[in-house]
Amino acid sequence: MPSSTKPKRETVDFDTRRLAGILAALSPNDPPSTLLLELKGLITDKGEADLGHLDRMEREAGRDSEGYIYLRRVAR
């Protein structure tokens, strides 16, 4: 059997893949460079409020079995 003619995809570390997923979830129709600028702006402008919200939701709503913080209260 001849080896596959498909080019191999470059290897990407887990954190890069996670960031790419976050960027893609922000707005699926915008170009990636715009998404990165938007994310940087959100972190700069809303970072402290975001941390406060996550702390509060962790206390009030808890985490799921995989450790993700529930972003709204859920029935247990």
PDB file of N, CA and C in Angstrom:
ATOM      1  N   MET A   1       0.841  -1.176   0.000  1.00  0.00           N
ATOM      2  CA  MET A   1       0.000   0.000   0.000  1.00  0.00           C
ATOM      3  C   MET A   1       0.891   1.247   0.000  1.00  0.00           C
ATOM      4  N   PRO A   2       0.649   2.171  -0.897  1.00  0.00           N
ATOM      5  CA  PRO A   2       1.416   3.425  -0.854  1.00  0.00           C
ATOM      6  C   PRO A   2       0.982   4.254   0.346  1.00  0.00           C
ATOM      7  N   SER A   3       1.907   5.008   0.878  1.00  0.00           N
ATOM      8  CA  SER A   3       1.554   5.870   2.011  1.00  0.00           C
ATOM      9  C   SER A   3       0.584   6.947   1.551  1.00  0.00           C
ATOM     10  N   SER A   4      -0.116   7.498   2.492  1.00  0.00           N
ATOM     11  CA  SER A   4      -1.120   8.512   2.186  1.00  0.00           C
ATOM     12  C   SER A   4      -0.465   9.736   1.544  1.00  0.00           C
ATOM     13  N   THR A   5      -1.164  10.315   0.593  1.00  0.00           N
ATOM     14  CA  THR A   5      -0.646  11.515  -0.068  1.00  0.00           C
ATOM     15  C   THR A   5      -1.103  12.790   0.626  1.00  0.00           C
ATOM     16  N   LYS A   6      -1.933  12.634   1.671  1.00  0.00           N
ATOM     17  CA  LYS A   6      -2.387  13.808   2.403  1.00  0.00           C
ATOM     18  C   LYS A   6      -1.225  14.394   3.187  1.00  0.00           C
ATOM     19  N   PRO A   7      -1.087  15.702   3.160  1.00  0.00           N
ATOM     20  CA  PRO A   7      -0.035  16.304   3.991  1.00  0.00           C
ATOM     21  C   PRO A   7      -0.404  16.181   5.470  1.00  0.00           C
ATOM     22  N   LYS A   8       0.591  15.969   6.309  1.00  0.00           N
ATOM     23  CA  LYS A   8       0.325  15.863   7.736  1.00  0.00           C
ATOM     24  C   LYS A   8      -0.012  17.232   8.292  1.00  0.00           C
ATOM     25  N   ARG A   9      -0.995  17.243   9.210  1.00  0.00           N
ATOM     26  CA  ARG A   9      -1.337  18.494   9.874  1.00  0.00           C
ATOM     27  C   ARG A   9      -0.265  18.812  10.895  1.00  0.00           C
ATOM     28  N   GLU A  10      -0.004  20.103  11.069  1.00  0.00           N
ATOM     29  CA  GLU A  10       0.991  20.477  12.061  1.00  0.00           C
ATOM     30  C   GLU A  10       0.446  20.194  13.458  1.00  0.00           C
ATOM     31  N   THR A  11       1.311  19.819  14.365  1.00  0.00           N
ATOM     32  CA  THR A  11       0.920  19.509  15.727  1.00  0.00           C
ATOM     33  C   THR A  11       0.734  20.804  16.502  1.00  0.00           C
ATOM     34  N   VAL A  12      -0.359  20.882  17.247  1.00  0.00           N
ATOM     35  CA  VAL A  12      -0.671  22.075  18.025  1.00  0.00           C
ATOM     36  C   VAL A  12      -0.890  21.652  19.467  1.00  0.00           C
ATOM     37  N   ASP A  13      -0.328  22.417  20.401  1.00  0.00           N
ATOM     38  CA  ASP A  13      -0.472  22.056  21.810  1.00  0.00           C
ATOM     39  C   ASP A  13      -1.898  22.308  22.296  1.00  0.00           C
ATOM     40  N   PHE A  14      -2.227  21.728  23.449  1.00  0.00           N
ATOM     41  CA  PHE A  14      -3.584  21.766  23.991  1.00  0.00           C
ATOM     42  C   PHE A  14      -4.068  23.194  24.234  1.00  0.00           C
ATOM     43  N   ASP A  15      -3.216  24.039  24.824  1.00  0.00           N
ATOM     44  CA  ASP A  15      -3.636  25.407  25.131  1.00  0.00           C
ATOM     45  C   ASP A  15      -3.956  26.194  23.867  1.00  0.00           C
ATOM     46  N   THR A  16      -3.206  25.982  22.806  1.00  0.00           N
ATOM     47  CA  THR A  16      -3.480  26.651  21.535  1.00  0.00           C
ATOM     48  C   THR A  16      -4.818  26.194  20.977  1.00  0.00           C
ATOM     49  N   ARG A  17      -5.092  24.894  21.053  1.00  0.00           N
ATOM     50  CA  ARG A  17      -6.383  24.379  20.574  1.00  0.00           C
ATOM     51  C   ARG A  17      -7.533  24.941  21.402  1.00  0.00           C
ATOM     52  N   ARG A  18      -7.331  25.046  22.718  1.00  0.00           N
ATOM     53  CA  ARG A  18      -8.384  25.577  23.583  1.00  0.00           C
ATOM     54  C   ARG A  18      -8.655  27.044  23.240  1.00  0.00           C
ATOM     55  N   LEU A  19      -7.599  27.839  23.055  1.00  0.00           N
ATOM     56  CA  LEU A  19      -7.776  29.243  22.691  1.00  0.00           C
ATOM     57  C   LEU A  19      -8.470  29.367  21.339  1.00  0.00           C
ATOM     58  N   ALA A  20      -8.103  28.536  20.396  1.00  0.00           N
ATOM     59  CA  ALA A  20      -8.760  28.554  19.087  1.00  0.00           C
ATOM     60  C   ALA A  20     -10.253  28.255  19.230  1.00  0.00           C
ATOM     61  N   GLY A  21     -10.607  27.321  20.110  1.00  0.00           N
ATOM     62  CA  GLY A  21     -12.015  27.013  20.350  1.00  0.00           C
ATOM     63  C   GLY A  21     -12.761  28.185  20.957  1.00  0.00           C
ATOM     64  N   ILE A  22     -12.112  28.889  21.889  1.00  0.00           N
ATOM     65  CA  ILE A  22     -12.729  30.066  22.499  1.00  0.00           C
ATOM     66  C   ILE A  22     -12.950  31.145  21.439  1.00  0.00           C
ATOM     67  N   LEU A  23     -11.939  31.380  20.609  1.00  0.00           N
ATOM     68  CA  LEU A  23     -12.067  32.391  19.558  1.00  0.00           C
ATOM     69  C   LEU A  23     -13.178  32.026  18.576  1.00  0.00           C
ATOM     70  N   ALA A  24     -13.241  30.772  18.191  1.00  0.00           N
ATOM     71  CA  ALA A  24     -14.274  30.336  17.238  1.00  0.00           C
ATOM     72  C   ALA A  24     -15.669  30.488  17.827  1.00  0.00           C
ATOM     73  N   ALA A  25     -15.800  30.311  19.140  1.00  0.00           N
ATOM     74  CA  ALA A  25     -17.106  30.424  19.783  1.00  0.00           C
ATOM     75  C   ALA A  25     -17.561  31.881  19.923  1.00  0.00           C
ATOM     76  N   LEU A  26     -16.610  32.827  19.891  1.00  0.00           N
ATOM     77  CA  LEU A  26     -16.980  34.232  20.043  1.00  0.00           C
ATOM     78  C   LEU A  26     -17.890  34.710  18.915  1.00  0.00           C
ATOM     79  N   SER A  27     -17.520  34.400  17.708  1.00  0.00           N
ATOM     80  CA  SER A  27     -18.295  34.840  16.552  1.00  0.00           C
ATOM     81  C   SER A  27     -17.845  34.034  15.344  1.00  0.00           C
ATOM     82  N   PRO A  28     -18.648  33.078  14.928  1.00  0.00           N
ATOM     83  CA  PRO A  28     -18.216  32.157  13.871  1.00  0.00           C
ATOM     84  C   PRO A  28     -17.999  32.793  12.503  1.00  0.00           C
ATOM     85  N   ASN A  29     -18.523  33.982  12.257  1.00  0.00           N
ATOM     86  CA  ASN A  29     -18.416  34.584  10.921  1.00  0.00           C
ATOM     87  C   ASN A  29     -17.285  35.587  10.779  1.00  0.00           C
ATOM     88  N   ASP A  30     -16.593  35.905  11.891  1.00  0.00           N
ATOM     89  CA  ASP A  30     -15.527  36.906  11.824  1.00  0.00           C
ATOM     90  C   ASP A  30     -14.184  36.242  11.555  1.00  0.00           C
ATOM     91  N   PRO A  31     -13.256  36.976  10.926  1.00  0.00           N
ATOM     92  CA  PRO A  31     -11.922  36.414  10.685  1.00  0.00           C
ATOM     93  C   PRO A  31     -11.160  36.224  11.997  1.00  0.00           C
ATOM     94  N   PRO A  32     -10.284  35.225  12.081  1.00  0.00           N
ATOM     95  CA  PRO A  32      -9.560  34.929  13.318  1.00  0.00           C
ATOM     96  C   PRO A  32      -8.788  36.118  13.884  1.00  0.00           C
ATOM     97  N   SER A  33      -8.178  36.945  13.044  1.00  0.00           N
ATOM     98  CA  SER A  33      -7.415  38.082  13.576  1.00  0.00           C
ATOM     99  C   SER A  33      -8.332  39.063  14.297  1.00  0.00           C
ATOM    100  N   THR A  34      -9.539  39.269  13.793  1.00  0.00           N
ATOM    101  CA  THR A  34     -10.509  40.137  14.452  1.00  0.00           C
ATOM    102  C   THR A  34     -10.949  39.534  15.777  1.00  0.00           C
ATOM    103  N   LEU A  35     -11.128  38.219  15.797  1.00  0.00           N
ATOM    104  CA  LEU A  35     -11.542  37.547  17.029  1.00  0.00           C
ATOM    105  C   LEU A  35     -10.486  37.697  18.114  1.00  0.00           C
ATOM    106  N   LEU A  36      -9.213  37.581  17.743  1.00  0.00           N
ATOM    107  CA  LEU A  36      -8.146  37.722  18.723  1.00  0.00           C
ATOM    108  C   LEU A  36      -8.134  39.137  19.303  1.00  0.00           C
ATOM    109  N   LEU A  37      -8.301  40.151  18.446  1.00  0.00           N
ATOM    110  CA  LEU A  37      -8.371  41.529  18.937  1.00  0.00           C
ATOM    111  C   LEU A  37      -9.562  41.722  19.869  1.00  0.00           C
ATOM    112  N   GLU A  38     -10.696  41.118  19.518  1.00  0.00           N
ATOM    113  CA  GLU A  38     -11.887  41.217  20.350  1.00  0.00           C
ATOM    114  C   GLU A  38     -11.659  40.559  21.710  1.00  0.00           C
ATOM    115  N   LEU A  39     -11.041  39.395  21.715  1.00  0.00           N
ATOM    116  CA  LEU A  39     -10.777  38.701  22.968  1.00  0.00           C
ATOM    117  C   LEU A  39      -9.812  39.500  23.846  1.00  0.00           C
ATOM    118  N   LYS A  40      -8.759  40.050  23.245  1.00  0.00           N
ATOM    119  CA  LYS A  40      -7.819  40.882  24.007  1.00  0.00           C
ATOM    120  C   LYS A  40      -8.548  42.072  24.624  1.00  0.00           C
ATOM    121  N   GLY A  41      -9.418  42.693  23.859  1.00  0.00           N
ATOM    122  CA  GLY A  41     -10.188  43.820  24.378  1.00  0.00           C
ATOM    123  C   GLY A  41     -11.100  43.421  25.519  1.00  0.00           C
ATOM    124  N   LEU A  42     -11.762  42.277  25.370  1.00  0.00           N
ATOM    125  CA  LEU A  42     -12.637  41.802  26.440  1.00  0.00           C
ATOM    126  C   LEU A  42     -11.851  41.532  27.723  1.00  0.00           C
ATOM    127  N   ILE A  43     -10.697  40.914  27.591  1.00  0.00           N
ATOM    128  CA  ILE A  43      -9.881  40.609  28.767  1.00  0.00           C
ATOM    129  C   ILE A  43      -9.424  41.895  29.437  1.00  0.00           C
ATOM    130  N   THR A  44      -8.981  42.866  28.637  1.00  0.00           N
ATOM    131  CA  THR A  44      -8.510  44.136  29.184  1.00  0.00           C
ATOM    132  C   THR A  44      -9.638  44.900  29.863  1.00  0.00           C
ATOM    133  N   ASP A  45     -10.789  44.975  29.203  1.00  0.00           N
ATOM    134  CA  ASP A  45     -11.897  45.787  29.713  1.00  0.00           C
ATOM    135  C   ASP A  45     -12.725  45.083  30.789  1.00  0.00           C
ATOM    136  N   LYS A  46     -12.888  43.781  30.666  1.00  0.00           N
ATOM    137  CA  LYS A  46     -13.834  43.069  31.525  1.00  0.00           C
ATOM    138  C   LYS A  46     -13.195  42.005  32.411  1.00  0.00           C
ATOM    139  N   GLY A  47     -11.871  41.900  32.395  1.00  0.00           N
ATOM    140  CA  GLY A  47     -11.200  40.814  33.102  1.00  0.00           C
ATOM    141  C   GLY A  47     -11.516  40.726  34.583  1.00  0.00           C
ATOM    142  N   GLU A  48     -11.459  41.854  35.288  1.00  0.00           N
ATOM    143  CA  GLU A  48     -11.721  41.840  36.729  1.00  0.00           C
ATOM    144  C   GLU A  48     -13.162  41.461  37.030  1.00  0.00           C
ATOM    145  N   ALA A  49     -14.102  42.020  36.284  1.00  0.00           N
ATOM    146  CA  ALA A  49     -15.518  41.683  36.488  1.00  0.00           C
ATOM    147  C   ALA A  49     -15.758  40.214  36.181  1.00  0.00           C
ATOM    148  N   ASP A  50     -15.078  39.708  35.151  1.00  0.00           N
ATOM    149  CA  ASP A  50     -15.204  38.304  34.769  1.00  0.00           C
ATOM    150  C   ASP A  50     -14.752  37.380  35.897  1.00  0.00           C
ATOM    151  N   LEU A  51     -13.607  37.704  36.500  1.00  0.00           N
ATOM    152  CA  LEU A  51     -13.113  36.875  37.600  1.00  0.00           C
ATOM    153  C   LEU A  51     -14.072  36.897  38.767  1.00  0.00           C
ATOM    154  N   GLY A  52     -14.624  38.063  39.072  1.00  0.00           N
ATOM    155  CA  GLY A  52     -15.612  38.151  40.147  1.00  0.00           C
ATOM    156  C   GLY A  52     -16.835  37.308  39.856  1.00  0.00           C
ATOM    157  N   HIS A  53     -17.302  37.361  38.618  1.00  0.00           N
ATOM    158  CA  HIS A  53     -18.473  36.567  38.226  1.00  0.00           C
ATOM    159  C   HIS A  53     -18.172  35.072  38.335  1.00  0.00           C
ATOM    160  N   LEU A  54     -16.996  34.644  37.849  1.00  0.00           N
ATOM    161  CA  LEU A  54     -16.644  33.222  37.930  1.00  0.00           C
ATOM    162  C   LEU A  54     -16.517  32.760  39.379  1.00  0.00           C
ATOM    163  N   ASP A  55     -15.923  33.591  40.233  1.00  0.00           N
ATOM    164  CA  ASP A  55     -15.825  33.236  41.655  1.00  0.00           C
ATOM    165  C   ASP A  55     -17.209  33.050  42.270  1.00  0.00           C
ATOM    166  N   ARG A  56     -18.100  33.986  41.955  1.00  0.00           N
ATOM    167  CA  ARG A  56     -19.460  33.904  42.502  1.00  0.00           C
ATOM    168  C   ARG A  56     -20.191  32.676  41.974  1.00  0.00           C
ATOM    169  N   MET A  57     -20.077  32.398  40.665  1.00  0.00           N
ATOM    170  CA  MET A  57     -20.770  31.245  40.101  1.00  0.00           C
ATOM    171  C   MET A  57     -20.199  29.941  40.640  1.00  0.00           C
ATOM    172  N   GLU A  58     -18.896  29.900  40.894  1.00  0.00           N
ATOM    173  CA  GLU A  58     -18.316  28.688  41.484  1.00  0.00           C
ATOM    174  C   GLU A  58     -18.900  28.440  42.869  1.00  0.00           C
ATOM    175  N   ARG A  59     -19.055  29.505  43.650  1.00  0.00           N
ATOM    176  CA  ARG A  59     -19.639  29.352  44.984  1.00  0.00           C
ATOM    177  C   ARG A  59     -21.110  28.980  44.918  1.00  0.00           C
ATOM    178  N   GLU A  60     -21.868  29.668  44.041  1.00  0.00           N
ATOM    179  CA  GLU A  60     -23.318  29.495  44.005  1.00  0.00           C
ATOM    180  C   GLU A  60     -23.767  28.278  43.207  1.00  0.00           C
ATOM    181  N   ALA A  61     -23.159  28.051  42.047  1.00  0.00           N
ATOM    182  CA  ALA A  61     -23.645  26.997  41.153  1.00  0.00           C
ATOM    183  C   ALA A  61     -22.770  25.752  41.182  1.00  0.00           C
ATOM    184  N   GLY A  62     -21.496  25.892  41.558  1.00  0.00           N
ATOM    185  CA  GLY A  62     -20.610  24.733  41.643  1.00  0.00           C
ATOM    186  C   GLY A  62     -19.982  24.366  40.307  1.00  0.00           C
ATOM    187  N   ARG A  63     -19.468  23.144  40.282  1.00  0.00           N
ATOM    188  CA  ARG A  63     -18.766  22.623  39.095  1.00  0.00           C
ATOM    189  C   ARG A  63     -19.385  21.296  38.676  1.00  0.00           C
ATOM    190  N   ASP A  64     -19.222  20.964  37.399  1.00  0.00           N
ATOM    191  CA  ASP A  64     -19.715  19.673  36.923  1.00  0.00           C
ATOM    192  C   ASP A  64     -18.676  18.591  37.204  1.00  0.00           C
ATOM    193  N   SER A  65     -18.946  17.374  36.755  1.00  0.00           N
ATOM    194  CA  SER A  65     -18.058  16.237  37.035  1.00  0.00           C
ATOM    195  C   SER A  65     -16.689  16.376  36.375  1.00  0.00           C
ATOM    196  N   GLU A  66     -16.572  17.229  35.346  1.00  0.00           N
ATOM    197  CA  GLU A  66     -15.294  17.441  34.673  1.00  0.00           C
ATOM    198  C   GLU A  66     -14.553  18.663  35.211  1.00  0.00           C
ATOM    199  N   GLY A  67     -15.146  19.356  36.179  1.00  0.00           N
ATOM    200  CA  GLY A  67     -14.492  20.506  36.782  1.00  0.00           C
ATOM    201  C   GLY A  67     -14.854  21.845  36.188  1.00  0.00           C
ATOM    202  N   TYR A  68     -15.729  21.875  35.173  1.00  0.00           N
ATOM    203  CA  TYR A  68     -16.131  23.144  34.577  1.00  0.00           C
ATOM    204  C   TYR A  68     -17.096  23.869  35.510  1.00  0.00           C
ATOM    205  N   ILE A  69     -16.942  25.192  35.623  1.00  0.00           N
ATOM    206  CA  ILE A  69     -17.836  25.991  36.457  1.00  0.00           C
ATOM    207  C   ILE A  69     -19.164  26.163  35.726  1.00  0.00           C
ATOM    208  N   TYR A  70     -20.265  25.869  36.434  1.00  0.00           N
ATOM    209  CA  TYR A  70     -21.582  26.146  35.855  1.00  0.00           C
ATOM    210  C   TYR A  70     -21.763  27.657  35.774  1.00  0.00           C
ATOM    211  N   LEU A  71     -22.175  28.173  34.642  1.00  0.00           N
ATOM    212  CA  LEU A  71     -22.353  29.609  34.472  1.00  0.00           C
ATOM    213  C   LEU A  71     -23.769  30.060  34.803  1.00  0.00           C
ATOM    214  N   ARG A  72     -24.592  29.132  35.239  1.00  0.00           N
ATOM    215  CA  ARG A  72     -25.911  29.451  35.770  1.00  0.00           C
ATOM    216  C   ARG A  72     -26.246  28.365  36.781  1.00  0.00           C
ATOM    217  N   ARG A  73     -27.178  28.658  37.659  1.00  0.00           N
ATOM    218  CA  ARG A  73     -27.553  27.669  38.666  1.00  0.00           C
ATOM    219  C   ARG A  73     -28.226  26.495  37.984  1.00  0.00           C
ATOM    220  N   VAL A  74     -27.922  25.314  38.455  1.00  0.00           N
ATOM    221  CA  VAL A  74     -28.525  24.101  37.890  1.00  0.00           C
ATOM    222  C   VAL A  74     -29.138  23.292  39.018  1.00  0.00           C
ATOM    223  N   ALA A  75     -30.168  22.533  38.682  1.00  0.00           N
ATOM    224  CA  ALA A  75     -30.785  21.632  39.668  1.00  0.00           C
ATOM    225  C   ALA A  75     -29.850  20.463  39.884  1.00  0.00           C
ATOM    226  N   ARG A  76     -29.649  20.123  41.123  1.00  0.00           N
ATOM    227  CA  ARG A  76     -28.742  19.002  41.424  1.00  0.00           C
ATOM    228  C   ARG A  76     -29.500  17.777  41.862  1.00  0.00           C
TER     229      ARG A  76
END
